[in-house]
Amino acid sequence: MLRQQDVGHRIVVRRVVGERAGRPLFSDALGELVELTGTHLTLATAQGRLRVALDEVHRAKRVPATRRPTAAAVVELELAADEAWPAAVRGRLGGWLLRSAEGWSGRANSALPVGDPDRPLPEAVDAVLRWYADLGQPAMVNTPLPLATPVGAELDARGWTARPLVLVQTASLAAPLPAPPLAADTPLVELATAPSEDWLAIAADRKGGLPDSARHVLTAVGRVRFAQVYADGRLLATGRGTITGQGRWLGLSLIEVVPEARRRGLARRVVGALADWARAEGATRAFLQVEQRNPAAVALYRGLGFTTHHTYLTRVAPPA
């Protein structure tokens, strides 16, 4: 029988869907278990969410984890994510990307080693150090795992440290993402093509400032929407959505709810509104990045059907 520790894992469920000639008819469903209560279970399947009464379940079991994504799939998603969070200053080292945005966010201020640097690995790391030193910044490298494992080994040997592990999670946009029931007094989510000053203030508070390069990161994307939820003239929740990767990927970022408005389902509504916009624009998948050490956010996104595609570490060079 399923237990709460099975939530977040892929399971297969055989359920009774009818009867013929006095014998039960069964149907199988495969997906991620996103909710388990005393009466129902909910699966995130390829066709959308499926809610099943426990008294209809004939058999259910966890299935082995699927194989890791291919290197090509990791590269595709990392490039879509880079396009969704564009650094103001950019360079190349063969296939590697070099990025700087006045130190605002690790993603926009780190090298991305997703190709051939056109030189031996030790020389490539030396070149990264020089590029960032010329900008007066500490060198950082974003290492998608397991793709960049050899890069990580070279950085380990040089004494580079690591920031907390980040989960790169994805979900299908084939069906609307689940949302809590809409109460009569629930404020609506508005989508704007440019961030308001209130929106930018929340982003600045979360990220510790907002230099000019940060505004470039936020707005220099062809297809972008800024979600906002107001009540009584005050901004309660924000989010940002981009469509990149040749129109396939919705990128979600800066999903934020002010402390006094939390636990009201506003973050789910922000994500749902951005997903609806992206689906109407032709996007088929969504991605986001969340630190593994943030259990509340991880649980929120798991409940929306997101699963981990791959992970990455932001590596930081030791002081010169």
C-alpha atoms as a PDB file:
ATOM      1  CA  MET A   1       0.000   0.000   0.000  1.00  0.00           C
ATOM      2  CA  LEU A   2       1.179   3.524  -0.686  1.00  0.00           C
ATOM      3  CA  ARG A   3       2.567   5.710   2.107  1.00  0.00           C
ATOM      4  CA  GLN A   4       3.270   9.420   2.471  1.00  0.00           C
ATOM      5  CA  GLN A   5       6.952   8.835   1.680  1.00  0.00           C
ATOM      6  CA  ASP A   6       5.839   7.733  -1.808  1.00  0.00           C
ATOM      7  CA  VAL A   7       4.644  11.274  -2.585  1.00  0.00           C
ATOM      8  CA  GLY A   8       6.953  12.784  -5.195  1.00  0.00           C
ATOM      9  CA  HIS A   9       7.796   9.406  -6.767  1.00  0.00           C
ATOM     10  CA  ARG A  10       6.526   7.763  -9.937  1.00  0.00           C
ATOM     11  CA  ILE A  11       3.939   5.080  -9.307  1.00  0.00           C
ATOM     12  CA  VAL A  12       1.680   2.837 -11.355  1.00  0.00           C
ATOM     13  CA  VAL A  13      -1.937   2.468 -10.251  1.00  0.00           C
ATOM     14  CA  ARG A  14      -4.369  -0.235 -11.348  1.00  0.00           C
ATOM     15  CA  ARG A  15      -7.916   0.948 -10.630  1.00  0.00           C
ATOM     16  CA  VAL A  16     -11.405  -0.439 -11.104  1.00  0.00           C
ATOM     17  CA  VAL A  17     -13.252   1.518 -13.791  1.00  0.00           C
ATOM     18  CA  GLY A  18     -16.349  -0.637 -14.274  1.00  0.00           C
ATOM     19  CA  GLU A  19     -17.746  -4.134 -14.535  1.00  0.00           C
ATOM     20  CA  ARG A  20     -18.549  -6.514 -17.356  1.00  0.00           C
ATOM     21  CA  ALA A  21     -20.307  -9.895 -17.019  1.00  0.00           C
ATOM     22  CA  GLY A  22     -19.882  -9.707 -13.284  1.00  0.00           C
ATOM     23  CA  ARG A  23     -16.125  -9.131 -13.497  1.00  0.00           C
ATOM     24  CA  PRO A  24     -14.268  -5.868 -12.748  1.00  0.00           C
ATOM     25  CA  LEU A  25     -12.657  -3.837 -15.513  1.00  0.00           C
ATOM     26  CA  PHE A  26      -9.266  -2.320 -14.793  1.00  0.00           C
ATOM     27  CA  SER A  27      -7.303   0.632 -16.113  1.00  0.00           C
ATOM     28  CA  ASP A  28      -3.642   1.438 -15.420  1.00  0.00           C
ATOM     29  CA  ALA A  29      -2.213   4.927 -14.881  1.00  0.00           C
ATOM     30  CA  LEU A  30       1.425   5.957 -14.581  1.00  0.00           C
ATOM     31  CA  GLY A  31       2.601   9.251 -13.125  1.00  0.00           C
ATOM     32  CA  GLU A  32       4.097  11.109 -10.187  1.00  0.00           C
ATOM     33  CA  LEU A  33       2.193  10.839  -6.917  1.00  0.00           C
ATOM     34  CA  VAL A  34       1.570  14.467  -5.899  1.00  0.00           C
ATOM     35  CA  GLU A  35      -1.014  13.961  -3.141  1.00  0.00           C
ATOM     36  CA  LEU A  36      -2.150  11.138  -0.860  1.00  0.00           C
ATOM     37  CA  THR A  37      -5.042  11.613   1.568  1.00  0.00           C
ATOM     38  CA  GLY A  38      -7.196   9.236   3.565  1.00  0.00           C
ATOM     39  CA  THR A  39      -9.648   8.987   0.679  1.00  0.00           C
ATOM     40  CA  HIS A  40      -7.884   9.848  -2.588  1.00  0.00           C
ATOM     41  CA  LEU A  41      -4.581   9.889  -4.401  1.00  0.00           C
ATOM     42  CA  THR A  42      -3.595  12.318  -7.157  1.00  0.00           C
ATOM     43  CA  LEU A  43      -1.211  11.563 -10.010  1.00  0.00           C
ATOM     44  CA  ALA A  44       0.511  13.969 -12.378  1.00  0.00           C
ATOM     45  CA  THR A  45       0.396  11.991 -15.634  1.00  0.00           C
ATOM     46  CA  ALA A  46       1.464  12.848 -19.163  1.00  0.00           C
ATOM     47  CA  GLN A  47      -2.205  13.574 -19.935  1.00  0.00           C
ATOM     48  CA  GLY A  48      -2.709  15.820 -16.886  1.00  0.00           C
ATOM     49  CA  ARG A  49      -3.650  15.331 -13.242  1.00  0.00           C
ATOM     50  CA  LEU A  50      -5.702  12.279 -12.278  1.00  0.00           C
ATOM     51  CA  ARG A  51      -7.559  12.012  -8.942  1.00  0.00           C
ATOM     52  CA  VAL A  52      -8.487   8.478  -7.882  1.00  0.00           C
ATOM     53  CA  ALA A  53     -10.572   7.368  -4.908  1.00  0.00           C
ATOM     54  CA  LEU A  54      -8.641   4.894  -2.778  1.00  0.00           C
ATOM     55  CA  ASP A  55     -11.574   2.472  -2.725  1.00  0.00           C
ATOM     56  CA  GLU A  56     -11.207   2.196  -6.520  1.00  0.00           C
ATOM     57  CA  VAL A  57      -7.511   1.252  -6.322  1.00  0.00           C
ATOM     58  CA  HIS A  58      -6.860  -2.426  -6.945  1.00  0.00           C
ATOM     59  CA  ARG A  59      -3.071  -2.206  -6.790  1.00  0.00           C
ATOM     60  CA  ALA A  60      -0.483   0.573  -6.607  1.00  0.00           C
ATOM     61  CA  LYS A  61       3.290   0.502  -6.407  1.00  0.00           C
ATOM     62  CA  ARG A  62       6.303   2.709  -6.873  1.00  0.00           C
ATOM     63  CA  VAL A  63       8.197   2.195 -10.146  1.00  0.00           C
ATOM     64  CA  PRO A  64      11.960   2.538 -10.621  1.00  0.00           C
ATOM     65  CA  ALA A  65      13.179   6.014 -11.430  1.00  0.00           C
ATOM     66  CA  THR A  66      13.482   6.771 -15.121  1.00  0.00           C
ATOM     67  CA  ARG A  67      16.933   7.055 -16.626  1.00  0.00           C
ATOM     68  CA  ARG A  68      18.796  10.317 -16.488  1.00  0.00           C
ATOM     69  CA  PRO A  69      18.165  12.820 -19.268  1.00  0.00           C
ATOM     70  CA  THR A  70      20.577  12.690 -22.172  1.00  0.00           C
ATOM     71  CA  ALA A  71      23.413  15.174 -22.409  1.00  0.00           C
ATOM     72  CA  ALA A  72      21.634  16.782 -25.365  1.00  0.00           C
ATOM     73  CA  ALA A  73      18.465  17.259 -23.279  1.00  0.00           C
ATOM     74  CA  VAL A  74      20.442  18.920 -20.470  1.00  0.00           C
ATOM     75  CA  VAL A  75      22.194  21.233 -22.929  1.00  0.00           C
ATOM     76  CA  GLU A  76      18.886  22.170 -24.574  1.00  0.00           C
ATOM     77  CA  LEU A  77      17.309  23.109 -21.267  1.00  0.00           C
ATOM     78  CA  GLU A  78      20.371  24.953 -19.981  1.00  0.00           C
ATOM     79  CA  LEU A  79      20.506  27.067 -23.156  1.00  0.00           C
ATOM     80  CA  ALA A  80      16.783  27.842 -22.871  1.00  0.00           C
ATOM     81  CA  ALA A  81      17.387  28.882 -19.258  1.00  0.00           C
ATOM     82  CA  ASP A  82      20.315  31.084 -20.292  1.00  0.00           C
ATOM     83  CA  GLU A  83      18.122  32.738 -22.919  1.00  0.00           C
ATOM     84  CA  ALA A  84      15.478  33.343 -20.242  1.00  0.00           C
ATOM     85  CA  TRP A  85      17.968  35.010 -17.847  1.00  0.00           C
ATOM     86  CA  PRO A  86      20.260  36.976 -20.192  1.00  0.00           C
ATOM     87  CA  ALA A  87      23.395  38.518 -18.709  1.00  0.00           C
ATOM     88  CA  ALA A  88      24.207  42.047 -19.831  1.00  0.00           C
ATOM     89  CA  VAL A  89      27.872  41.219 -20.568  1.00  0.00           C
ATOM     90  CA  ARG A  90      28.618  38.018 -22.467  1.00  0.00           C
ATOM     91  CA  GLY A  91      31.579  36.205 -23.939  1.00  0.00           C
ATOM     92  CA  ARG A  92      32.432  32.797 -25.368  1.00  0.00           C
ATOM     93  CA  LEU A  93      35.146  30.279 -24.782  1.00  0.00           C
ATOM     94  CA  GLY A  94      34.583  27.850 -27.614  1.00  0.00           C
ATOM     95  CA  GLY A  95      31.194  26.366 -26.710  1.00  0.00           C
ATOM     96  CA  TRP A  96      31.285  27.675 -23.133  1.00  0.00           C
ATOM     97  CA  LEU A  97      29.271  30.784 -22.253  1.00  0.00           C
ATOM     98  CA  LEU A  98      30.754  33.561 -20.104  1.00  0.00           C
ATOM     99  CA  ARG A  99      28.254  35.849 -18.352  1.00  0.00           C
ATOM    100  CA  SER A 100      28.344  38.924 -16.132  1.00  0.00           C
ATOM    101  CA  ALA A 101      25.643  41.199 -14.695  1.00  0.00           C
ATOM    102  CA  GLU A 102      27.322  43.312 -11.999  1.00  0.00           C
ATOM    103  CA  GLY A 103      27.199  40.367  -9.621  1.00  0.00           C
ATOM    104  CA  TRP A 104      23.388  40.178  -9.650  1.00  0.00           C
ATOM    105  CA  SER A 105      22.469  36.487  -9.268  1.00  0.00           C
ATOM    106  CA  GLY A 106      24.714  33.485  -9.705  1.00  0.00           C
ATOM    107  CA  ARG A 107      23.108  32.424 -12.966  1.00  0.00           C
ATOM    108  CA  ALA A 108      23.941  35.696 -14.719  1.00  0.00           C
ATOM    109  CA  ASN A 109      27.493  35.874 -13.349  1.00  0.00           C
ATOM    110  CA  SER A 110      28.893  32.423 -14.034  1.00  0.00           C
ATOM    111  CA  ALA A 111      30.407  30.507 -16.907  1.00  0.00           C
ATOM    112  CA  LEU A 112      28.214  27.776 -18.409  1.00  0.00           C
ATOM    113  CA  PRO A 113      30.337  24.838 -19.657  1.00  0.00           C
ATOM    114  CA  VAL A 114      27.914  23.083 -21.996  1.00  0.00           C
ATOM    115  CA  GLY A 115      30.157  22.610 -25.027  1.00  0.00           C
ATOM    116  CA  ASP A 116      33.784  22.178 -26.060  1.00  0.00           C
ATOM    117  CA  PRO A 117      35.979  25.081 -24.832  1.00  0.00           C
ATOM    118  CA  ASP A 118      38.384  24.456 -27.750  1.00  0.00           C
ATOM    119  CA  ARG A 119      41.325  23.905 -25.403  1.00  0.00           C
ATOM    120  CA  PRO A 120      42.356  21.489 -22.645  1.00  0.00           C
ATOM    121  CA  LEU A 121      40.207  21.721 -19.538  1.00  0.00           C
ATOM    122  CA  PRO A 122      42.894  23.245 -17.252  1.00  0.00           C
ATOM    123  CA  GLU A 123      43.525  25.986 -19.813  1.00  0.00           C
ATOM    124  CA  ALA A 124      39.796  26.614 -20.102  1.00  0.00           C
ATOM    125  CA  VAL A 125      39.509  27.153 -16.346  1.00  0.00           C
ATOM    126  CA  ASP A 126      42.509  29.513 -16.467  1.00  0.00           C
ATOM    127  CA  ALA A 127      40.768  31.506 -19.229  1.00  0.00           C
ATOM    128  CA  VAL A 128      37.585  31.739 -17.139  1.00  0.00           C
ATOM    129  CA  LEU A 129      39.619  33.104 -14.224  1.00  0.00           C
ATOM    130  CA  ARG A 130      41.210  35.749 -16.474  1.00  0.00           C
ATOM    131  CA  TRP A 131      37.865  36.815 -18.006  1.00  0.00           C
ATOM    132  CA  TYR A 132      36.262  37.478 -14.645  1.00  0.00           C
ATOM    133  CA  ALA A 133      39.432  39.047 -13.206  1.00  0.00           C
ATOM    134  CA  ASP A 134      39.379  41.574 -16.064  1.00  0.00           C
ATOM    135  CA  LEU A 135      35.851  42.514 -14.964  1.00  0.00           C
ATOM    136  CA  GLY A 136      36.873  42.757 -11.319  1.00  0.00           C
ATOM    137  CA  GLN A 137      34.566  39.887 -10.342  1.00  0.00           C
ATOM    138  CA  PRO A 138      35.122  36.559  -8.613  1.00  0.00           C
ATOM    139  CA  ALA A 139      35.048  33.703 -11.101  1.00  0.00           C
ATOM    140  CA  MET A 140      32.087  31.331 -10.915  1.00  0.00           C
ATOM    141  CA  VAL A 141      31.125  28.311 -12.999  1.00  0.00           C
ATOM    142  CA  ASN A 142      27.646  26.835 -13.197  1.00  0.00           C
ATOM    143  CA  THR A 143      28.080  23.044 -13.458  1.00  0.00           C
ATOM    144  CA  PRO A 144      24.999  21.089 -14.658  1.00  0.00           C
ATOM    145  CA  LEU A 145      25.167  17.546 -13.316  1.00  0.00           C
ATOM    146  CA  PRO A 146      26.101  14.973 -14.411  1.00  0.00           C
ATOM    147  CA  LEU A 147      27.013  16.712 -17.694  1.00  0.00           C
ATOM    148  CA  ALA A 148      29.758  18.886 -16.173  1.00  0.00           C
ATOM    149  CA  THR A 149      31.191  16.278 -13.800  1.00  0.00           C
ATOM    150  CA  PRO A 150      34.694  16.477 -15.400  1.00  0.00           C
ATOM    151  CA  VAL A 151      34.635  20.270 -14.971  1.00  0.00           C
ATOM    152  CA  GLY A 152      33.607  19.829 -11.340  1.00  0.00           C
ATOM    153  CA  ALA A 153      36.520  17.451 -10.744  1.00  0.00           C
ATOM    154  CA  GLU A 154      38.971  20.032 -12.121  1.00  0.00           C
ATOM    155  CA  LEU A 155      37.470  22.736  -9.889  1.00  0.00           C
ATOM    156  CA  ASP A 156      37.636  20.414  -6.867  1.00  0.00           C
ATOM    157  CA  ALA A 157      41.349  19.965  -7.474  1.00  0.00           C
ATOM    158  CA  ARG A 158      41.783  23.747  -7.468  1.00  0.00           C
ATOM    159  CA  GLY A 159      39.882  24.281  -4.229  1.00  0.00           C
ATOM    160  CA  TRP A 160      36.741  25.897  -5.653  1.00  0.00           C
ATOM    161  CA  THR A 161      33.774  25.946  -3.262  1.00  0.00           C
ATOM    162  CA  ALA A 162      30.132  25.211  -4.101  1.00  0.00           C
ATOM    163  CA  ARG A 163      26.895  27.022  -3.400  1.00  0.00           C
ATOM    164  CA  PRO A 164      23.804  24.957  -2.404  1.00  0.00           C
ATOM    165  CA  LEU A 165      22.536  22.371  -4.884  1.00  0.00           C
ATOM    166  CA  VAL A 166      19.859  23.656  -7.274  1.00  0.00           C
ATOM    167  CA  LEU A 167      17.119  21.468  -8.739  1.00  0.00           C
ATOM    168  CA  VAL A 168      16.176  22.185 -12.361  1.00  0.00           C
ATOM    169  CA  GLN A 169      12.574  21.006 -12.507  1.00  0.00           C
ATOM    170  CA  THR A 170      10.168  20.602 -15.403  1.00  0.00           C
ATOM    171  CA  ALA A 171       6.464  19.994 -15.978  1.00  0.00           C
ATOM    172  CA  SER A 172       4.194  19.458 -18.941  1.00  0.00           C
ATOM    173  CA  LEU A 173       1.921  22.250 -20.154  1.00  0.00           C
ATOM    174  CA  ALA A 174      -0.382  19.816 -21.949  1.00  0.00           C
ATOM    175  CA  ALA A 175      -3.117  20.550 -19.392  1.00  0.00           C
ATOM    176  CA  PRO A 176      -3.711  23.462 -17.006  1.00  0.00           C
ATOM    177  CA  LEU A 177      -1.676  23.276 -13.814  1.00  0.00           C
ATOM    178  CA  PRO A 178      -3.749  22.548 -10.699  1.00  0.00           C
ATOM    179  CA  ALA A 179      -4.970  25.529  -8.676  1.00  0.00           C
ATOM    180  CA  PRO A 180      -6.835  25.805  -5.354  1.00  0.00           C
ATOM    181  CA  PRO A 181     -10.555  26.687  -5.377  1.00  0.00           C
ATOM    182  CA  LEU A 182     -11.116  30.366  -6.134  1.00  0.00           C
ATOM    183  CA  ALA A 183     -12.710  32.140  -3.184  1.00  0.00           C
ATOM    184  CA  ALA A 184     -14.988  35.096  -3.808  1.00  0.00           C
ATOM    185  CA  ASP A 185     -12.452  37.532  -2.322  1.00  0.00           C
ATOM    186  CA  THR A 186      -9.349  36.050  -4.023  1.00  0.00           C
ATOM    187  CA  PRO A 187      -7.541  38.790  -5.982  1.00  0.00           C
ATOM    188  CA  LEU A 188      -6.885  38.084  -9.652  1.00  0.00           C
ATOM    189  CA  VAL A 189      -3.472  37.631 -11.263  1.00  0.00           C
ATOM    190  CA  GLU A 190      -2.548  40.359 -13.736  1.00  0.00           C
ATOM    191  CA  LEU A 191       0.073  39.804 -16.457  1.00  0.00           C
ATOM    192  CA  ALA A 192       2.063  42.798 -17.698  1.00  0.00           C
ATOM    193  CA  THR A 193       4.707  43.138 -20.405  1.00  0.00           C
ATOM    194  CA  ALA A 194       6.908  45.280 -18.149  1.00  0.00           C
ATOM    195  CA  PRO A 195       7.516  45.188 -14.395  1.00  0.00           C
ATOM    196  CA  SER A 196       5.951  47.856 -12.215  1.00  0.00           C
ATOM    197  CA  GLU A 197       8.020  49.749  -9.645  1.00  0.00           C
ATOM    198  CA  ASP A 198       6.270  47.744  -6.907  1.00  0.00           C
ATOM    199  CA  TRP A 199       7.242  44.523  -8.702  1.00  0.00           C
ATOM    200  CA  LEU A 200      10.860  45.647  -9.006  1.00  0.00           C
ATOM    201  CA  ALA A 201      10.934  46.585  -5.308  1.00  0.00           C
ATOM    202  CA  ILE A 202       9.984  43.044  -4.306  1.00  0.00           C
ATOM    203  CA  ALA A 203      12.621  41.617  -6.663  1.00  0.00           C
ATOM    204  CA  ALA A 204      15.239  43.991  -5.245  1.00  0.00           C
ATOM    205  CA  ASP A 205      14.355  42.996  -1.688  1.00  0.00           C
ATOM    206  CA  ARG A 206      14.675  39.305  -2.540  1.00  0.00           C
ATOM    207  CA  LYS A 207      17.910  39.637  -4.512  1.00  0.00           C
ATOM    208  CA  GLY A 208      19.627  42.310  -2.444  1.00  0.00           C
ATOM    209  CA  GLY A 209      19.431  45.250  -4.834  1.00  0.00           C
ATOM    210  CA  LEU A 210      18.651  45.963  -8.455  1.00  0.00           C
ATOM    211  CA  PRO A 211      21.550  47.326 -10.548  1.00  0.00           C
ATOM    212  CA  ASP A 212      21.086  48.319 -14.176  1.00  0.00           C
ATOM    213  CA  SER A 213      22.292  44.901 -15.296  1.00  0.00           C
ATOM    214  CA  ALA A 214      19.509  43.304 -13.265  1.00  0.00           C
ATOM    215  CA  ARG A 215      16.891  45.222 -15.214  1.00  0.00           C
ATOM    216  CA  HIS A 216      18.504  43.910 -18.397  1.00  0.00           C
ATOM    217  CA  VAL A 217      18.323  40.328 -17.093  1.00  0.00           C
ATOM    218  CA  LEU A 218      14.646  40.753 -16.254  1.00  0.00           C
ATOM    219  CA  THR A 219      13.436  42.497 -19.401  1.00  0.00           C
ATOM    220  CA  ALA A 220      15.770  41.650 -22.323  1.00  0.00           C
ATOM    221  CA  VAL A 221      13.710  38.669 -23.470  1.00  0.00           C
ATOM    222  CA  GLY A 222      11.438  38.827 -26.496  1.00  0.00           C
ATOM    223  CA  ARG A 223       8.488  37.038 -24.862  1.00  0.00           C
ATOM    224  CA  VAL A 224       8.159  37.835 -21.172  1.00  0.00           C
ATOM    225  CA  ARG A 225       5.330  38.472 -18.721  1.00  0.00           C
ATOM    226  CA  PHE A 226       5.377  39.861 -15.193  1.00  0.00           C
ATOM    227  CA  ALA A 227       2.651  38.477 -12.935  1.00  0.00           C
ATOM    228  CA  GLN A 228       1.294  40.547 -10.084  1.00  0.00           C
ATOM    229  CA  VAL A 229      -1.486  40.161  -7.538  1.00  0.00           C
ATOM    230  CA  TYR A 230      -2.807  43.346  -5.913  1.00  0.00           C
ATOM    231  CA  ALA A 231      -5.267  43.707  -3.038  1.00  0.00           C
ATOM    232  CA  ASP A 232      -6.349  47.034  -1.557  1.00  0.00           C
ATOM    233  CA  GLY A 233      -3.670  48.780  -3.569  1.00  0.00           C
ATOM    234  CA  ARG A 234      -0.828  46.618  -2.254  1.00  0.00           C
ATOM    235  CA  LEU A 235       1.224  44.138  -4.253  1.00  0.00           C
ATOM    236  CA  LEU A 236       0.963  40.727  -2.570  1.00  0.00           C
ATOM    237  CA  ALA A 237       2.524  38.298  -5.061  1.00  0.00           C
ATOM    238  CA  THR A 238       4.792  38.384  -8.104  1.00  0.00           C
ATOM    239  CA  GLY A 239       6.226  36.081 -10.730  1.00  0.00           C
ATOM    240  CA  ARG A 240       8.034  36.192 -14.051  1.00  0.00           C
ATOM    241  CA  GLY A 241       7.541  34.004 -17.096  1.00  0.00           C
ATOM    242  CA  THR A 242       9.554  33.800 -20.306  1.00  0.00           C
ATOM    243  CA  ILE A 243       9.197  31.761 -23.483  1.00  0.00           C
ATOM    244  CA  THR A 244      12.522  30.623 -24.933  1.00  0.00           C
ATOM    245  CA  GLY A 245      14.110  27.579 -26.524  1.00  0.00           C
ATOM    246  CA  GLN A 246      12.481  28.118 -29.934  1.00  0.00           C
ATOM    247  CA  GLY A 247       9.122  28.678 -28.265  1.00  0.00           C
ATOM    248  CA  ARG A 248       9.036  25.366 -26.415  1.00  0.00           C
ATOM    249  CA  TRP A 249       9.950  26.345 -22.853  1.00  0.00           C
ATOM    250  CA  LEU A 250       8.191  28.494 -20.271  1.00  0.00           C
ATOM    251  CA  GLY A 251      10.760  29.659 -17.721  1.00  0.00           C
ATOM    252  CA  LEU A 252       9.418  30.567 -14.277  1.00  0.00           C
ATOM    253  CA  SER A 253      11.340  32.787 -11.895  1.00  0.00           C
ATOM    254  CA  LEU A 254      10.927  35.194  -8.974  1.00  0.00           C
ATOM    255  CA  ILE A 255       7.719  33.597  -7.696  1.00  0.00           C
ATOM    256  CA  GLU A 256       7.255  35.553  -4.485  1.00  0.00           C
ATOM    257  CA  VAL A 257       4.460  36.169  -1.965  1.00  0.00           C
ATOM    258  CA  VAL A 258       4.780  38.748   0.819  1.00  0.00           C
ATOM    259  CA  PRO A 259       4.869  37.054   4.256  1.00  0.00           C
ATOM    260  CA  GLU A 260       1.444  38.180   5.461  1.00  0.00           C
ATOM    261  CA  ALA A 261      -0.288  36.846   2.316  1.00  0.00           C
ATOM    262  CA  ARG A 262       1.221  33.358   2.292  1.00  0.00           C
ATOM    263  CA  ARG A 263      -0.732  30.089   2.572  1.00  0.00           C
ATOM    264  CA  ARG A 264      -3.585  31.509   0.498  1.00  0.00           C
ATOM    265  CA  GLY A 265      -2.696  29.782  -2.767  1.00  0.00           C
ATOM    266  CA  LEU A 266      -1.374  32.949  -4.426  1.00  0.00           C
ATOM    267  CA  ALA A 267       1.890  31.385  -5.593  1.00  0.00           C
ATOM    268  CA  ARG A 268      -0.050  28.557  -7.261  1.00  0.00           C
ATOM    269  CA  ARG A 269      -2.271  31.098  -8.995  1.00  0.00           C
ATOM    270  CA  VAL A 270       0.712  33.094 -10.243  1.00  0.00           C
ATOM    271  CA  VAL A 271       2.323  29.962 -11.703  1.00  0.00           C
ATOM    272  CA  GLY A 272      -1.004  28.855 -13.188  1.00  0.00           C
ATOM    273  CA  ALA A 273      -1.602  32.219 -14.878  1.00  0.00           C
ATOM    274  CA  LEU A 274       1.868  32.237 -16.431  1.00  0.00           C
ATOM    275  CA  ALA A 275       1.408  28.626 -17.570  1.00  0.00           C
ATOM    276  CA  ASP A 276      -1.926  29.490 -19.209  1.00  0.00           C
ATOM    277  CA  TRP A 277      -0.273  32.384 -21.063  1.00  0.00           C
ATOM    278  CA  ALA A 278       2.620  30.217 -22.253  1.00  0.00           C
ATOM    279  CA  ARG A 279       0.301  27.391 -23.359  1.00  0.00           C
ATOM    280  CA  ALA A 280      -1.712  29.858 -25.428  1.00  0.00           C
ATOM    281  CA  GLU A 281       1.577  30.997 -27.002  1.00  0.00           C
ATOM    282  CA  GLY A 282       2.455  27.437 -28.019  1.00  0.00           C
ATOM    283  CA  ALA A 283       4.900  26.431 -25.265  1.00  0.00           C
ATOM    284  CA  THR A 284       4.728  22.765 -24.296  1.00  0.00           C
ATOM    285  CA  ARG A 285       7.001  22.479 -21.239  1.00  0.00           C
ATOM    286  CA  ALA A 286       7.807  24.598 -18.188  1.00  0.00           C
ATOM    287  CA  PHE A 287      10.992  24.775 -16.145  1.00  0.00           C
ATOM    288  CA  LEU A 288      12.155  26.446 -12.961  1.00  0.00           C
ATOM    289  CA  GLN A 289      15.168  26.383 -10.676  1.00  0.00           C
ATOM    290  CA  VAL A 290      14.835  25.926  -6.920  1.00  0.00           C
ATOM    291  CA  GLU A 291      17.379  25.264  -4.179  1.00  0.00           C
ATOM    292  CA  GLN A 292      17.085  21.783  -2.737  1.00  0.00           C
ATOM    293  CA  ARG A 293      17.356  23.253   0.777  1.00  0.00           C
ATOM    294  CA  ASN A 294      14.082  25.190   0.322  1.00  0.00           C
ATOM    295  CA  PRO A 295      11.518  22.501   1.292  1.00  0.00           C
ATOM    296  CA  ALA A 296       8.486  24.806   1.145  1.00  0.00           C
ATOM    297  CA  ALA A 297       9.181  25.794  -2.469  1.00  0.00           C
ATOM    298  CA  VAL A 298      10.063  22.226  -3.455  1.00  0.00           C
ATOM    299  CA  ALA A 299       6.751  21.008  -1.996  1.00  0.00           C
ATOM    300  CA  LEU A 300       4.839  23.777  -3.785  1.00  0.00           C
ATOM    301  CA  TYR A 301       6.264  22.859  -7.179  1.00  0.00           C
ATOM    302  CA  ARG A 302       5.861  19.127  -6.566  1.00  0.00           C
ATOM    303  CA  GLY A 303       2.172  19.768  -5.955  1.00  0.00           C
ATOM    304  CA  LEU A 304       2.027  21.500  -9.339  1.00  0.00           C
ATOM    305  CA  GLY A 305       3.483  18.464 -11.100  1.00  0.00           C
ATOM    306  CA  PHE A 306       7.141  19.519 -11.376  1.00  0.00           C
ATOM    307  CA  THR A 307       9.844  16.845 -11.216  1.00  0.00           C
ATOM    308  CA  THR A 308      13.620  17.184 -11.222  1.00  0.00           C
ATOM    309  CA  HIS A 309      15.179  17.054 -14.701  1.00  0.00           C
ATOM    310  CA  HIS A 310      18.765  17.574 -13.550  1.00  0.00           C
ATOM    311  CA  THR A 311      20.688  19.564 -10.951  1.00  0.00           C
ATOM    312  CA  TYR A 312      23.516  22.063 -10.900  1.00  0.00           C
ATOM    313  CA  LEU A 313      26.090  23.564  -8.565  1.00  0.00           C
ATOM    314  CA  THR A 314      27.442  27.094  -8.793  1.00  0.00           C
ATOM    315  CA  ARG A 315      31.168  26.806  -8.136  1.00  0.00           C
ATOM    316  CA  VAL A 316      33.136  29.765  -6.775  1.00  0.00           C
ATOM    317  CA  ALA A 317      36.866  30.265  -7.217  1.00  0.00           C
ATOM    318  CA  PRO A 318      38.993  30.652  -4.072  1.00  0.00           C
ATOM    319  CA  PRO A 319      40.319  34.150  -3.374  1.00  0.00           C
ATOM    320  CA  ALA A 320      43.318  35.026  -5.516  1.00  0.00           C
END
